[in-house]
Amino acid sequence: MTEFVRRDGWPEGIDNRANWKDVPLNRVRDAVNVDALASGSMALRGGFDKVADGTEIRGAVACGDYIVMADGTDLKAYNTRTSTLQTIASIAGAGRFAGDVLNGELFFCTENQTLRFKDGIVRAWGVPTPVSQPVPEVVTGGLLPGTYQCAITYMDAAGEEGGTPMALTITVAEGKGLRFTITLPAGAVKARLYISSVNGSELYLQYEGTGTYTANVVRDDTARLDTMFARGPVCGDFIAKHNACLCIAQGSILWLTLPMRPHLRNVAHRFFQYPAPIDAIVSVETGLYVLADKTYFITGVETAQPQQAVVFDFGGVYGSHTTTPDGDAIWMTQYGVAKGDGNGAVTLLSQAR
């Protein structure tokens, strides 16, 4: 007797509501990572090769010629060109591992670190933020009498500038100046000191370096402070690139980094908070899908005022998201597979089944 084995693509998709003994034609009840064999049975999908060994691998992200993976307390990088594997850093031995690639560089986090990787090199992702502004000593000098605002930021070895908390306000009498003593935290190579004009609101760069600096005059033709209320990145459960920004899901909060400044997020705005933890985020052409208590679509991610709309009154399955080769978003819901296009339109492909 000739054995018949179905080899079609089951174009009608999943159907787990039908009787398992009588699944309708062109549908499949359940098939995950398997191939149909001529014998009539199923086997794990073929077509892969083992290239590296690990002991406790819990996540991997591709970046250029490398695959960066968390293996226990080791951060490892596998070079696909040379077929070599090396340990590049020590990390937390358990917990989250998430990341995405922006401009050819991998930005990722472990349970307690935010890191970045490019061309085999790993370094810190983020610049230290001052805990508080340094209080200057009032000395004899030439400042105009009135009120001044002062703030410092730190810079790292790559030349990136961090954020700063609210500026310090100080009143100066006639014939006085301000002497600052600046020290550096770990991870910073120098500081930038900004001071406003007398009774002004804009802060301008006055000094770059460390040690002691005395302000006797304030220049207002230098760089303006534009990182007020900004902070470094946080460890997230999911990280997704969207154009020039990185989107970080941390519990029930979604943070959007500043455009072209992936090392900064603004704690005063550019974030969304949800009633439930975020189960997935996935970027498409014009926006970002967020799966939480509901399914949301955020547009204008790179603008000063991102906008959010509700797509579904329910969320999705944790970590079930991906993108198709043509740029659509795919994730699982309680009603089966959801497919979202680049403009925020979503279809439940198998709701009826």
C-alpha atoms as a PDB file:
ATOM      1  CA  MET A   1       0.000   0.000   0.000  1.00  0.00           C
ATOM      2  CA  THR A   2       1.327   3.431  -0.889  1.00  0.00           C
ATOM      3  CA  GLU A   3       1.856   5.623   2.137  1.00  0.00           C
ATOM      4  CA  PHE A   4       0.569   9.171   1.831  1.00  0.00           C
ATOM      5  CA  VAL A   5       2.495  11.908   3.613  1.00  0.00           C
ATOM      6  CA  ARG A   6       1.248  15.487   3.485  1.00  0.00           C
ATOM      7  CA  ARG A   7       4.007  17.885   2.477  1.00  0.00           C
ATOM      8  CA  ASP A   8       2.046  21.039   1.766  1.00  0.00           C
ATOM      9  CA  GLY A   9       2.422  24.239   3.745  1.00  0.00           C
ATOM     10  CA  TRP A  10      -0.965  23.996   5.482  1.00  0.00           C
ATOM     11  CA  PRO A  11      -2.052  27.304   3.906  1.00  0.00           C
ATOM     12  CA  GLU A  12      -5.036  27.675   6.257  1.00  0.00           C
ATOM     13  CA  GLY A  13      -2.678  27.697   9.226  1.00  0.00           C
ATOM     14  CA  ILE A  14      -3.282  26.475  12.757  1.00  0.00           C
ATOM     15  CA  ASP A  15      -6.601  25.024  13.918  1.00  0.00           C
ATOM     16  CA  ASN A  16      -6.598  23.815  17.507  1.00  0.00           C
ATOM     17  CA  ARG A  17     -10.348  24.247  17.974  1.00  0.00           C
ATOM     18  CA  ALA A  18     -11.270  21.421  15.624  1.00  0.00           C
ATOM     19  CA  ASN A  19     -11.472  17.829  16.840  1.00  0.00           C
ATOM     20  CA  TRP A  20      -7.942  16.490  16.924  1.00  0.00           C
ATOM     21  CA  LYS A  21      -9.137  13.338  15.097  1.00  0.00           C
ATOM     22  CA  ASP A  22     -10.638  15.323  12.236  1.00  0.00           C
ATOM     23  CA  VAL A  23      -8.541  18.411  11.472  1.00  0.00           C
ATOM     24  CA  PRO A  24      -9.912  20.120   8.327  1.00  0.00           C
ATOM     25  CA  LEU A  25      -7.980  20.053   5.061  1.00  0.00           C
ATOM     26  CA  ASN A  26      -5.091  22.538   4.674  1.00  0.00           C
ATOM     27  CA  ARG A  27      -4.844  23.103   8.412  1.00  0.00           C
ATOM     28  CA  VAL A  28      -2.527  21.798  11.101  1.00  0.00           C
ATOM     29  CA  ARG A  29      -3.381  21.369  14.756  1.00  0.00           C
ATOM     30  CA  ASP A  30       0.064  21.886  16.241  1.00  0.00           C
ATOM     31  CA  ALA A  31       3.596  21.777  14.803  1.00  0.00           C
ATOM     32  CA  VAL A  32       6.602  23.467  16.376  1.00  0.00           C
ATOM     33  CA  ASN A  33      10.101  23.194  14.908  1.00  0.00           C
ATOM     34  CA  VAL A  34       9.430  19.901  13.136  1.00  0.00           C
ATOM     35  CA  ASP A  35       9.654  18.383   9.654  1.00  0.00           C
ATOM     36  CA  ALA A  36       7.299  15.782   8.174  1.00  0.00           C
ATOM     37  CA  LEU A  37       9.192  12.590   7.262  1.00  0.00           C
ATOM     38  CA  ALA A  38       8.417  10.092   4.498  1.00  0.00           C
ATOM     39  CA  SER A  39       7.777   7.526   7.215  1.00  0.00           C
ATOM     40  CA  GLY A  40       4.733   9.478   8.313  1.00  0.00           C
ATOM     41  CA  SER A  41       6.313  10.721  11.528  1.00  0.00           C
ATOM     42  CA  MET A  42       7.773  14.035  12.596  1.00  0.00           C
ATOM     43  CA  ALA A  43      11.382  14.907  13.420  1.00  0.00           C
ATOM     44  CA  LEU A  44      13.097  18.001  14.755  1.00  0.00           C
ATOM     45  CA  ARG A  45      13.681  20.465  11.966  1.00  0.00           C
ATOM     46  CA  GLY A  46      16.996  19.979  10.221  1.00  0.00           C
ATOM     47  CA  GLY A  47      19.368  22.431   8.593  1.00  0.00           C
ATOM     48  CA  PHE A  48      21.554  23.594  11.444  1.00  0.00           C
ATOM     49  CA  ASP A  49      25.158  23.013  12.451  1.00  0.00           C
ATOM     50  CA  LYS A  50      26.688  23.107  15.900  1.00  0.00           C
ATOM     51  CA  VAL A  51      29.452  25.733  15.958  1.00  0.00           C
ATOM     52  CA  ALA A  52      30.133  26.376  19.645  1.00  0.00           C
ATOM     53  CA  ASP A  53      29.692  24.771  23.035  1.00  0.00           C
ATOM     54  CA  GLY A  54      28.271  26.375  26.136  1.00  0.00           C
ATOM     55  CA  THR A  55      27.287  25.311  29.616  1.00  0.00           C
ATOM     56  CA  GLU A  56      24.446  27.667  30.632  1.00  0.00           C
ATOM     57  CA  ILE A  57      23.594  29.707  27.520  1.00  0.00           C
ATOM     58  CA  ARG A  58      20.491  31.798  28.163  1.00  0.00           C
ATOM     59  CA  GLY A  59      20.565  34.262  25.280  1.00  0.00           C
ATOM     60  CA  ALA A  60      22.361  35.305  22.108  1.00  0.00           C
ATOM     61  CA  VAL A  61      22.270  38.363  19.837  1.00  0.00           C
ATOM     62  CA  ALA A  62      23.910  38.756  16.418  1.00  0.00           C
ATOM     63  CA  CYS A  63      26.010  41.801  15.548  1.00  0.00           C
ATOM     64  CA  GLY A  64      27.914  41.907  12.265  1.00  0.00           C
ATOM     65  CA  ASP A  65      30.300  38.956  12.086  1.00  0.00           C
ATOM     66  CA  TYR A  66      29.700  38.093  15.741  1.00  0.00           C
ATOM     67  CA  ILE A  67      27.158  36.316  17.887  1.00  0.00           C
ATOM     68  CA  VAL A  68      27.297  37.594  21.451  1.00  0.00           C
ATOM     69  CA  MET A  69      25.953  35.199  24.062  1.00  0.00           C
ATOM     70  CA  ALA A  70      25.425  34.987  27.802  1.00  0.00           C
ATOM     71  CA  ASP A  71      26.832  31.694  29.088  1.00  0.00           C
ATOM     72  CA  GLY A  72      26.600  31.542  32.861  1.00  0.00           C
ATOM     73  CA  THR A  73      28.923  34.224  34.228  1.00  0.00           C
ATOM     74  CA  ASP A  74      30.744  34.548  30.900  1.00  0.00           C
ATOM     75  CA  LEU A  75      29.935  36.928  28.083  1.00  0.00           C
ATOM     76  CA  LYS A  76      31.176  35.223  24.932  1.00  0.00           C
ATOM     77  CA  ALA A  77      31.568  36.317  21.324  1.00  0.00           C
ATOM     78  CA  TYR A  78      31.535  33.832  18.455  1.00  0.00           C
ATOM     79  CA  ASN A  79      33.231  35.089  15.279  1.00  0.00           C
ATOM     80  CA  THR A  80      31.407  33.638  12.270  1.00  0.00           C
ATOM     81  CA  ARG A  81      34.311  34.452   9.937  1.00  0.00           C
ATOM     82  CA  THR A  82      37.019  32.720  11.952  1.00  0.00           C
ATOM     83  CA  SER A  83      34.783  30.179  13.730  1.00  0.00           C
ATOM     84  CA  THR A  84      36.364  31.125  17.053  1.00  0.00           C
ATOM     85  CA  LEU A  85      34.751  31.639  20.437  1.00  0.00           C
ATOM     86  CA  GLN A  86      36.203  33.819  23.165  1.00  0.00           C
ATOM     87  CA  THR A  87      35.147  35.143  26.557  1.00  0.00           C
ATOM     88  CA  ILE A  88      35.091  38.940  26.489  1.00  0.00           C
ATOM     89  CA  ALA A  89      33.652  39.894  29.900  1.00  0.00           C
ATOM     90  CA  SER A  90      32.257  38.636  33.181  1.00  0.00           C
ATOM     91  CA  ILE A  91      28.542  39.158  33.789  1.00  0.00           C
ATOM     92  CA  ALA A  92      25.798  38.203  36.220  1.00  0.00           C
ATOM     93  CA  GLY A  93      25.315  34.441  36.138  1.00  0.00           C
ATOM     94  CA  ALA A  94      21.537  34.533  35.723  1.00  0.00           C
ATOM     95  CA  GLY A  95      18.710  36.856  34.778  1.00  0.00           C
ATOM     96  CA  ARG A  96      17.872  38.934  31.759  1.00  0.00           C
ATOM     97  CA  PHE A  97      19.866  39.231  28.533  1.00  0.00           C
ATOM     98  CA  ALA A  98      18.438  41.476  25.823  1.00  0.00           C
ATOM     99  CA  GLY A  99      19.760  43.739  23.104  1.00  0.00           C
ATOM    100  CA  ASP A 100      19.531  45.135  19.596  1.00  0.00           C
ATOM    101  CA  VAL A 101      21.849  46.596  16.968  1.00  0.00           C
ATOM    102  CA  LEU A 102      21.909  50.313  16.155  1.00  0.00           C
ATOM    103  CA  ASN A 103      24.300  51.710  13.531  1.00  0.00           C
ATOM    104  CA  GLY A 104      26.311  48.496  13.478  1.00  0.00           C
ATOM    105  CA  GLU A 105      26.787  48.415  17.264  1.00  0.00           C
ATOM    106  CA  LEU A 106      25.111  46.066  19.725  1.00  0.00           C
ATOM    107  CA  PHE A 107      23.498  47.677  22.775  1.00  0.00           C
ATOM    108  CA  PHE A 108      22.509  45.118  25.381  1.00  0.00           C
ATOM    109  CA  CYS A 109      21.972  44.467  29.052  1.00  0.00           C
ATOM    110  CA  THR A 110      22.401  41.706  31.573  1.00  0.00           C
ATOM    111  CA  GLU A 111      20.646  41.513  34.923  1.00  0.00           C
ATOM    112  CA  ASN A 112      22.695  44.384  36.335  1.00  0.00           C
ATOM    113  CA  GLN A 113      24.840  45.841  33.527  1.00  0.00           C
ATOM    114  CA  THR A 114      24.259  47.947  30.429  1.00  0.00           C
ATOM    115  CA  LEU A 115      26.913  47.239  27.794  1.00  0.00           C
ATOM    116  CA  ARG A 116      27.722  47.844  24.139  1.00  0.00           C
ATOM    117  CA  PHE A 117      29.717  45.762  21.657  1.00  0.00           C
ATOM    118  CA  LYS A 118      31.375  46.417  18.317  1.00  0.00           C
ATOM    119  CA  ASP A 119      34.217  44.748  16.373  1.00  0.00           C
ATOM    120  CA  GLY A 120      35.024  42.360  19.205  1.00  0.00           C
ATOM    121  CA  ILE A 121      35.213  45.077  21.887  1.00  0.00           C
ATOM    122  CA  VAL A 122      32.773  45.418  24.791  1.00  0.00           C
ATOM    123  CA  ARG A 123      32.433  48.583  26.859  1.00  0.00           C
ATOM    124  CA  ALA A 124      29.981  50.353  29.132  1.00  0.00           C
ATOM    125  CA  TRP A 125      26.722  51.600  27.643  1.00  0.00           C
ATOM    126  CA  GLY A 126      25.995  54.867  29.392  1.00  0.00           C
ATOM    127  CA  VAL A 127      27.907  57.741  30.989  1.00  0.00           C
ATOM    128  CA  PRO A 128      27.866  58.432  34.758  1.00  0.00           C
ATOM    129  CA  THR A 129      25.313  60.977  35.995  1.00  0.00           C
ATOM    130  CA  PRO A 130      26.133  63.358  38.873  1.00  0.00           C
ATOM    131  CA  VAL A 131      24.363  62.436  42.092  1.00  0.00           C
ATOM    132  CA  SER A 132      24.121  66.164  42.880  1.00  0.00           C
ATOM    133  CA  GLN A 133      25.615  69.410  41.617  1.00  0.00           C
ATOM    134  CA  PRO A 134      28.879  70.590  43.234  1.00  0.00           C
ATOM    135  CA  VAL A 135      28.311  73.506  45.596  1.00  0.00           C
ATOM    136  CA  PRO A 136      30.776  76.281  44.696  1.00  0.00           C
ATOM    137  CA  GLU A 137      32.675  78.431  47.157  1.00  0.00           C
ATOM    138  CA  VAL A 138      31.857  82.145  46.938  1.00  0.00           C
ATOM    139  CA  VAL A 139      35.146  84.032  46.519  1.00  0.00           C
ATOM    140  CA  THR A 140      36.289  87.481  45.504  1.00  0.00           C
ATOM    141  CA  GLY A 141      35.689  87.930  41.774  1.00  0.00           C
ATOM    142  CA  GLY A 142      34.061  89.828  38.960  1.00  0.00           C
ATOM    143  CA  LEU A 143      30.626  88.239  38.433  1.00  0.00           C
ATOM    144  CA  LEU A 144      27.666  90.526  38.028  1.00  0.00           C
ATOM    145  CA  PRO A 145      25.449  90.476  41.114  1.00  0.00           C
ATOM    146  CA  GLY A 146      22.394  88.270  40.783  1.00  0.00           C
ATOM    147  CA  THR A 147      21.268  84.656  40.515  1.00  0.00           C
ATOM    148  CA  TYR A 148      23.107  81.963  38.558  1.00  0.00           C
ATOM    149  CA  GLN A 149      22.289  78.366  37.655  1.00  0.00           C
ATOM    150  CA  CYS A 150      25.140  75.823  37.642  1.00  0.00           C
ATOM    151  CA  ALA A 151      25.384  72.195  36.501  1.00  0.00           C
ATOM    152  CA  ILE A 152      28.032  69.654  35.566  1.00  0.00           C
ATOM    153  CA  THR A 153      27.998  66.672  33.248  1.00  0.00           C
ATOM    154  CA  TYR A 154      30.537  63.890  32.797  1.00  0.00           C
ATOM    155  CA  MET A 155      32.157  62.606  29.613  1.00  0.00           C
ATOM    156  CA  ASP A 156      33.519  59.131  28.896  1.00  0.00           C
ATOM    157  CA  ALA A 157      36.572  58.034  26.920  1.00  0.00           C
ATOM    158  CA  ALA A 158      34.516  57.850  23.708  1.00  0.00           C
ATOM    159  CA  GLY A 159      33.631  61.534  23.971  1.00  0.00           C
ATOM    160  CA  GLU A 160      29.968  61.009  24.875  1.00  0.00           C
ATOM    161  CA  GLU A 161      28.363  63.387  27.346  1.00  0.00           C
ATOM    162  CA  GLY A 162      26.051  62.195  30.103  1.00  0.00           C
ATOM    163  CA  GLY A 163      23.023  63.812  31.635  1.00  0.00           C
ATOM    164  CA  THR A 164      22.612  65.876  34.767  1.00  0.00           C
ATOM    165  CA  PRO A 165      19.955  66.472  37.456  1.00  0.00           C
ATOM    166  CA  MET A 166      18.299  69.793  38.130  1.00  0.00           C
ATOM    167  CA  ALA A 167      20.707  72.734  38.160  1.00  0.00           C
ATOM    168  CA  LEU A 168      21.953  74.350  41.364  1.00  0.00           C
ATOM    169  CA  THR A 169      20.783  77.942  41.879  1.00  0.00           C
ATOM    170  CA  ILE A 170      23.047  80.352  43.760  1.00  0.00           C
ATOM    171  CA  THR A 171      22.898  84.098  44.398  1.00  0.00           C
ATOM    172  CA  VAL A 172      26.109  86.125  44.081  1.00  0.00           C
ATOM    173  CA  ALA A 173      26.751  89.585  45.556  1.00  0.00           C
ATOM    174  CA  GLU A 174      28.709  92.306  43.791  1.00  0.00           C
ATOM    175  CA  GLY A 175      32.458  91.725  43.605  1.00  0.00           C
ATOM    176  CA  LYS A 176      32.190  87.956  44.022  1.00  0.00           C
ATOM    177  CA  GLY A 177      33.005  84.871  41.954  1.00  0.00           C
ATOM    178  CA  LEU A 178      32.337  81.119  42.175  1.00  0.00           C
ATOM    179  CA  ARG A 179      35.067  78.529  42.723  1.00  0.00           C
ATOM    180  CA  PHE A 180      34.165  74.948  41.795  1.00  0.00           C
ATOM    181  CA  THR A 181      36.006  71.803  42.863  1.00  0.00           C
ATOM    182  CA  ILE A 182      35.223  68.970  40.457  1.00  0.00           C
ATOM    183  CA  THR A 183      35.988  65.284  41.028  1.00  0.00           C
ATOM    184  CA  LEU A 184      35.253  62.381  38.699  1.00  0.00           C
ATOM    185  CA  PRO A 185      33.427  59.090  39.310  1.00  0.00           C
ATOM    186  CA  ALA A 186      34.512  55.782  37.789  1.00  0.00           C
ATOM    187  CA  GLY A 187      33.845  55.675  34.052  1.00  0.00           C
ATOM    188  CA  ALA A 188      34.302  59.416  33.487  1.00  0.00           C
ATOM    189  CA  VAL A 189      37.428  61.052  32.024  1.00  0.00           C
ATOM    190  CA  LYS A 190      36.441  64.696  32.441  1.00  0.00           C
ATOM    191  CA  ALA A 191      33.597  66.984  33.437  1.00  0.00           C
ATOM    192  CA  ARG A 192      31.832  69.884  31.775  1.00  0.00           C
ATOM    193  CA  LEU A 193      30.696  72.858  33.847  1.00  0.00           C
ATOM    194  CA  TYR A 194      27.725  74.925  32.647  1.00  0.00           C
ATOM    195  CA  ILE A 195      26.629  78.257  34.143  1.00  0.00           C
ATOM    196  CA  SER A 196      23.776  80.570  33.167  1.00  0.00           C
ATOM    197  CA  SER A 197      24.026  84.253  32.493  1.00  0.00           C
ATOM    198  CA  VAL A 198      23.048  86.383  35.465  1.00  0.00           C
ATOM    199  CA  ASN A 199      19.337  85.829  36.206  1.00  0.00           C
ATOM    200  CA  GLY A 200      19.154  83.684  33.039  1.00  0.00           C
ATOM    201  CA  SER A 201      17.591  80.284  32.332  1.00  0.00           C
ATOM    202  CA  GLU A 202      19.960  78.912  29.648  1.00  0.00           C
ATOM    203  CA  LEU A 203      23.208  77.283  30.822  1.00  0.00           C
ATOM    204  CA  TYR A 204      26.382  77.659  28.755  1.00  0.00           C
ATOM    205  CA  LEU A 205      29.624  75.679  28.793  1.00  0.00           C
ATOM    206  CA  GLN A 206      32.316  77.456  30.835  1.00  0.00           C
ATOM    207  CA  TYR A 207      34.891  74.791  31.648  1.00  0.00           C
ATOM    208  CA  GLU A 208      35.910  71.293  30.593  1.00  0.00           C
ATOM    209  CA  GLY A 209      38.240  69.187  32.725  1.00  0.00           C
ATOM    210  CA  THR A 210      38.608  68.400  36.426  1.00  0.00           C
ATOM    211  CA  GLY A 211      40.049  69.941  39.575  1.00  0.00           C
ATOM    212  CA  THR A 212      39.380  73.597  40.497  1.00  0.00           C
ATOM    213  CA  TYR A 213      37.832  76.306  38.341  1.00  0.00           C
ATOM    214  CA  THR A 214      36.887  79.862  39.332  1.00  0.00           C
ATOM    215  CA  ALA A 215      34.165  81.665  37.391  1.00  0.00           C
ATOM    216  CA  ASN A 216      34.637  85.443  37.247  1.00  0.00           C
ATOM    217  CA  VAL A 217      32.717  85.957  34.029  1.00  0.00           C
ATOM    218  CA  VAL A 218      30.068  83.929  32.190  1.00  0.00           C
ATOM    219  CA  ARG A 219      30.320  83.404  28.438  1.00  0.00           C
ATOM    220  CA  ASP A 220      27.051  83.022  26.534  1.00  0.00           C
ATOM    221  CA  ASP A 221      28.504  82.168  23.102  1.00  0.00           C
ATOM    222  CA  THR A 222      29.423  78.542  23.915  1.00  0.00           C
ATOM    223  CA  ALA A 223      27.567  75.231  23.806  1.00  0.00           C
ATOM    224  CA  ARG A 224      24.251  75.123  25.655  1.00  0.00           C
ATOM    225  CA  LEU A 225      23.389  72.430  28.173  1.00  0.00           C
ATOM    226  CA  ASP A 226      20.853  70.123  26.503  1.00  0.00           C
ATOM    227  CA  THR A 227      21.057  66.998  28.690  1.00  0.00           C
ATOM    228  CA  MET A 228      19.151  68.317  31.717  1.00  0.00           C
ATOM    229  CA  PHE A 229      17.060  65.525  33.311  1.00  0.00           C
ATOM    230  CA  ALA A 230      18.767  62.919  31.129  1.00  0.00           C
ATOM    231  CA  ARG A 231      20.131  59.678  32.557  1.00  0.00           C
ATOM    232  CA  GLY A 232      21.933  56.610  31.282  1.00  0.00           C
ATOM    233  CA  PRO A 233      20.126  53.481  30.045  1.00  0.00           C
ATOM    234  CA  VAL A 234      18.470  50.958  32.350  1.00  0.00           C
ATOM    235  CA  CYS A 235      18.542  47.163  32.326  1.00  0.00           C
ATOM    236  CA  GLY A 236      15.517  46.047  30.357  1.00  0.00           C
ATOM    237  CA  ASP A 237      13.571  42.882  29.670  1.00  0.00           C
ATOM    238  CA  PHE A 238      13.391  43.787  25.970  1.00  0.00           C
ATOM    239  CA  ILE A 239      15.378  46.206  23.786  1.00  0.00           C
ATOM    240  CA  ALA A 240      14.343  47.197  20.269  1.00  0.00           C
ATOM    241  CA  LYS A 241      15.878  49.612  17.776  1.00  0.00           C
ATOM    242  CA  HIS A 242      13.530  52.028  16.068  1.00  0.00           C
ATOM    243  CA  ASN A 243      15.247  54.253  13.506  1.00  0.00           C
ATOM    244  CA  ALA A 244      17.687  56.414  15.524  1.00  0.00           C
ATOM    245  CA  CYS A 245      16.342  55.431  18.966  1.00  0.00           C
ATOM    246  CA  LEU A 246      16.534  52.479  21.293  1.00  0.00           C
ATOM    247  CA  CYS A 247      13.365  51.381  23.090  1.00  0.00           C
ATOM    248  CA  ILE A 248      13.878  49.691  26.462  1.00  0.00           C
ATOM    249  CA  ALA A 249      11.092  47.790  28.258  1.00  0.00           C
ATOM    250  CA  GLN A 250      11.778  47.645  31.991  1.00  0.00           C
ATOM    251  CA  GLY A 251       8.934  46.013  33.884  1.00  0.00           C
ATOM    252  CA  SER A 252       5.859  48.123  33.130  1.00  0.00           C
ATOM    253  CA  ILE A 253       7.825  51.145  31.821  1.00  0.00           C
ATOM    254  CA  LEU A 254       8.935  51.770  28.242  1.00  0.00           C
ATOM    255  CA  TRP A 255      11.898  54.144  27.889  1.00  0.00           C
ATOM    256  CA  LEU A 256      12.812  55.834  24.593  1.00  0.00           C
ATOM    257  CA  THR A 257      16.411  56.996  24.260  1.00  0.00           C
ATOM    258  CA  LEU A 258      17.179  60.380  22.754  1.00  0.00           C
ATOM    259  CA  PRO A 259      17.485  60.313  18.927  1.00  0.00           C
ATOM    260  CA  MET A 260      21.095  59.670  17.864  1.00  0.00           C
ATOM    261  CA  ARG A 261      22.049  59.488  21.568  1.00  0.00           C
ATOM    262  CA  PRO A 262      21.469  55.873  22.565  1.00  0.00           C
ATOM    263  CA  HIS A 263      23.335  56.440  25.844  1.00  0.00           C
ATOM    264  CA  LEU A 264      20.706  58.892  27.157  1.00  0.00           C
ATOM    265  CA  ARG A 265      17.058  58.751  28.230  1.00  0.00           C
ATOM    266  CA  ASN A 266      15.046  61.657  29.580  1.00  0.00           C
ATOM    267  CA  VAL A 267      13.348  60.974  32.920  1.00  0.00           C
ATOM    268  CA  ALA A 268      11.003  63.961  32.539  1.00  0.00           C
ATOM    269  CA  HIS A 269       9.371  62.737  29.323  1.00  0.00           C
ATOM    270  CA  ARG A 270       9.812  60.221  26.458  1.00  0.00           C
ATOM    271  CA  PHE A 271       8.559  57.257  28.447  1.00  0.00           C
ATOM    272  CA  PHE A 272       5.291  55.332  28.791  1.00  0.00           C
ATOM    273  CA  GLN A 273       4.011  53.487  31.856  1.00  0.00           C
ATOM    274  CA  TYR A 274       1.477  50.653  31.699  1.00  0.00           C
ATOM    275  CA  PRO A 275      -0.825  48.935  34.226  1.00  0.00           C
ATOM    276  CA  ALA A 276       0.953  45.602  33.670  1.00  0.00           C
ATOM    277  CA  PRO A 277       4.496  44.427  32.829  1.00  0.00           C
ATOM    278  CA  ILE A 278       5.495  44.625  29.177  1.00  0.00           C
ATOM    279  CA  ASP A 279       5.560  41.208  27.484  1.00  0.00           C
ATOM    280  CA  ALA A 280       7.144  42.270  24.178  1.00  0.00           C
ATOM    281  CA  ILE A 281       8.082  45.247  22.011  1.00  0.00           C
ATOM    282  CA  VAL A 282       8.616  45.044  18.273  1.00  0.00           C
ATOM    283  CA  SER A 283       9.538  47.804  15.822  1.00  0.00           C
ATOM    284  CA  VAL A 284       8.085  48.286  12.335  1.00  0.00           C
ATOM    285  CA  GLU A 285       8.423  51.037   9.732  1.00  0.00           C
ATOM    286  CA  THR A 286       6.364  53.809  11.322  1.00  0.00           C
ATOM    287  CA  GLY A 287       6.121  52.784  14.959  1.00  0.00           C
ATOM    288  CA  LEU A 288       6.495  50.371  17.818  1.00  0.00           C
ATOM    289  CA  TYR A 289       4.100  47.655  19.000  1.00  0.00           C
ATOM    290  CA  VAL A 290       3.945  47.244  22.782  1.00  0.00           C
ATOM    291  CA  LEU A 291       2.326  44.205  24.391  1.00  0.00           C
ATOM    292  CA  ALA A 292       1.253  44.857  27.988  1.00  0.00           C
ATOM    293  CA  ASP A 293      -2.227  44.870  29.575  1.00  0.00           C
ATOM    294  CA  LYS A 294      -3.344  45.793  26.057  1.00  0.00           C
ATOM    295  CA  THR A 295      -1.635  45.964  22.689  1.00  0.00           C
ATOM    296  CA  TYR A 296      -0.441  49.466  21.809  1.00  0.00           C
ATOM    297  CA  PHE A 297       1.129  51.142  18.783  1.00  0.00           C
ATOM    298  CA  ILE A 298       3.431  54.127  19.337  1.00  0.00           C
ATOM    299  CA  THR A 299       4.225  56.551  16.522  1.00  0.00           C
ATOM    300  CA  GLY A 300       6.595  59.493  16.459  1.00  0.00           C
ATOM    301  CA  VAL A 301       9.162  57.595  18.518  1.00  0.00           C
ATOM    302  CA  GLU A 302      11.899  60.023  17.462  1.00  0.00           C
ATOM    303  CA  THR A 303       9.882  63.165  18.112  1.00  0.00           C
ATOM    304  CA  ALA A 304       9.443  65.234  21.258  1.00  0.00           C
ATOM    305  CA  GLN A 305       5.876  63.987  21.647  1.00  0.00           C
ATOM    306  CA  PRO A 306       5.401  60.324  20.707  1.00  0.00           C
ATOM    307  CA  GLN A 307       1.756  59.300  20.318  1.00  0.00           C
ATOM    308  CA  GLN A 308       0.125  56.056  21.435  1.00  0.00           C
ATOM    309  CA  ALA A 309      -2.997  54.218  20.268  1.00  0.00           C
ATOM    310  CA  VAL A 310      -4.655  51.012  21.478  1.00  0.00           C
ATOM    311  CA  VAL A 311      -4.667  48.200  18.909  1.00  0.00           C
ATOM    312  CA  PHE A 312      -6.271  45.409  20.971  1.00  0.00           C
ATOM    313  CA  ASP A 313      -7.842  45.334  24.435  1.00  0.00           C
ATOM    314  CA  PHE A 314      -5.586  42.385  25.268  1.00  0.00           C
ATOM    315  CA  GLY A 315      -1.849  41.788  25.202  1.00  0.00           C
ATOM    316  CA  GLY A 316       0.242  38.911  23.918  1.00  0.00           C
ATOM    317  CA  VAL A 317       2.410  35.999  24.909  1.00  0.00           C
ATOM    318  CA  TYR A 318       5.656  36.950  26.656  1.00  0.00           C
ATOM    319  CA  GLY A 319       8.639  36.978  24.304  1.00  0.00           C
ATOM    320  CA  SER A 320       6.728  35.527  21.339  1.00  0.00           C
ATOM    321  CA  HIS A 321       7.480  38.421  18.978  1.00  0.00           C
ATOM    322  CA  THR A 322       9.525  38.516  15.793  1.00  0.00           C
ATOM    323  CA  THR A 323       9.567  40.289  12.446  1.00  0.00           C
ATOM    324  CA  THR A 324       9.026  38.865   8.968  1.00  0.00           C
ATOM    325  CA  PRO A 325      11.486  39.365   6.079  1.00  0.00           C
ATOM    326  CA  ASP A 326       9.180  42.032   4.638  1.00  0.00           C
ATOM    327  CA  GLY A 327       9.141  44.019   7.873  1.00  0.00           C
ATOM    328  CA  ASP A 328       5.832  43.002   9.477  1.00  0.00           C
ATOM    329  CA  ALA A 329       5.553  42.216  13.191  1.00  0.00           C
ATOM    330  CA  ILE A 330       4.405  38.806  14.395  1.00  0.00           C
ATOM    331  CA  TRP A 331       3.461  37.705  17.913  1.00  0.00           C
ATOM    332  CA  MET A 332       1.206  35.236  19.685  1.00  0.00           C
ATOM    333  CA  THR A 333      -2.022  36.133  21.490  1.00  0.00           C
ATOM    334  CA  GLN A 334      -4.771  34.214  23.255  1.00  0.00           C
ATOM    335  CA  TYR A 335      -6.499  34.138  19.863  1.00  0.00           C
ATOM    336  CA  GLY A 336      -3.525  32.803  17.927  1.00  0.00           C
ATOM    337  CA  VAL A 337      -1.043  34.626  15.707  1.00  0.00           C
ATOM    338  CA  ALA A 338      -1.240  38.396  15.298  1.00  0.00           C
ATOM    339  CA  LYS A 339       0.374  40.150  12.356  1.00  0.00           C
ATOM    340  CA  GLY A 340       0.983  43.893  12.399  1.00  0.00           C
ATOM    341  CA  ASP A 341       2.074  45.861   9.368  1.00  0.00           C
ATOM    342  CA  GLY A 342       4.361  48.869   9.299  1.00  0.00           C
ATOM    343  CA  ASN A 343       1.514  51.340   9.798  1.00  0.00           C
ATOM    344  CA  GLY A 344      -0.140  49.893  12.896  1.00  0.00           C
ATOM    345  CA  ALA A 345      -2.830  47.771  11.221  1.00  0.00           C
ATOM    346  CA  VAL A 346      -3.076  44.343  12.925  1.00  0.00           C
ATOM    347  CA  THR A 347      -4.782  41.126  11.826  1.00  0.00           C
ATOM    348  CA  LEU A 348      -5.513  38.055  13.929  1.00  0.00           C
ATOM    349  CA  LEU A 349      -4.652  35.417  11.344  1.00  0.00           C
ATOM    350  CA  SER A 350      -6.181  32.419  13.106  1.00  0.00           C
ATOM    351  CA  GLN A 351      -8.755  33.840  15.517  1.00  0.00           C
ATOM    352  CA  ALA A 352     -11.591  31.758  14.099  1.00  0.00           C
ATOM    353  CA  ARG A 353      -9.554  28.569  14.414  1.00  0.00           C
END
